[in-house]
Protein backbone atom coordinates (compact mmCIF):
# COMPACT_ATOMS: atom_id res chain seq x y z
CA UNK A 1 -8.69 15.33 -5.72
CA UNK A 2 -5.16 15.79 -5.18
CA UNK A 3 -2.25 15.33 -7.93
CA UNK A 4 -1.07 11.98 -8.19
CA UNK A 5 2.42 13.24 -5.92
CA UNK A 6 1.25 10.30 -3.16
CA UNK A 7 1.13 7.56 -5.71
CA UNK A 8 4.95 8.21 -6.64
CA UNK A 9 6.48 8.25 -3.16
CA UNK A 10 4.49 5.35 -2.73
CA UNK A 11 7.11 2.65 -4.55
CA UNK A 12 5.42 -0.63 -2.70
CA UNK A 13 3.26 -2.74 -5.16
CA UNK A 14 -0.27 -3.23 -3.78
CA UNK A 15 0.43 -7.15 -3.48
CA UNK A 16 2.95 -5.90 -0.40
CA UNK A 17 0.58 -4.00 1.04
CA UNK A 18 -1.58 -6.81 0.84
CA UNK A 19 -0.05 -8.99 1.54
CA UNK A 20 0.72 -7.07 5.17
CA UNK A 21 -2.91 -6.48 6.04
CA UNK A 22 -3.52 -8.78 6.08
CA UNK A 23 -0.80 -10.77 8.26
CA UNK A 24 -2.19 -8.04 10.23
CA UNK A 25 -5.51 -9.18 10.80
CA UNK A 26 -4.45 -12.12 10.48
CA UNK A 27 -2.73 -12.08 13.92
């Protein structure tokens, strides 16, 4: 598995990602 560096780059909390995906699937 890759190093957890990509996780540090993505500072977006899972809540925002889930909300964005929910809105994307809604429309």
